[in-house]
Amino acid sequence: MKIEILGSGCKRCDQLHQNTLNAISQVDSPAEIQVEKIGDINYFAKMGVFMTPGLVIDGTVISTGKVPSANEIKNLIVENL
């Protein structure tokens, strides 16, 4: 599984990244999950993310413009594993 955090490095983007790492630590197979922070605005547009932060799981935009909790992200990860 590949999780992308789309953001320019703002406080909310950093919080989403931290929440994602916390969520991954709570799942059964964290080694199978890659997390990548992406700051390329052109990539955001390509993905259809016009409000950051954005959360992308396996190429599907899951969330934009908000910071889901670690528990919400964990549930999304489990659903997509």
Foldseek 3Di string as FASTA:
>chain_A
DEKEWEDQPDPLSVLLVVLQVVLLVPDDCSVVYHYYYDHDVVVCVVLVAPADGWIDDPSHTDDHNHRDGSVVNNVVVVVVD
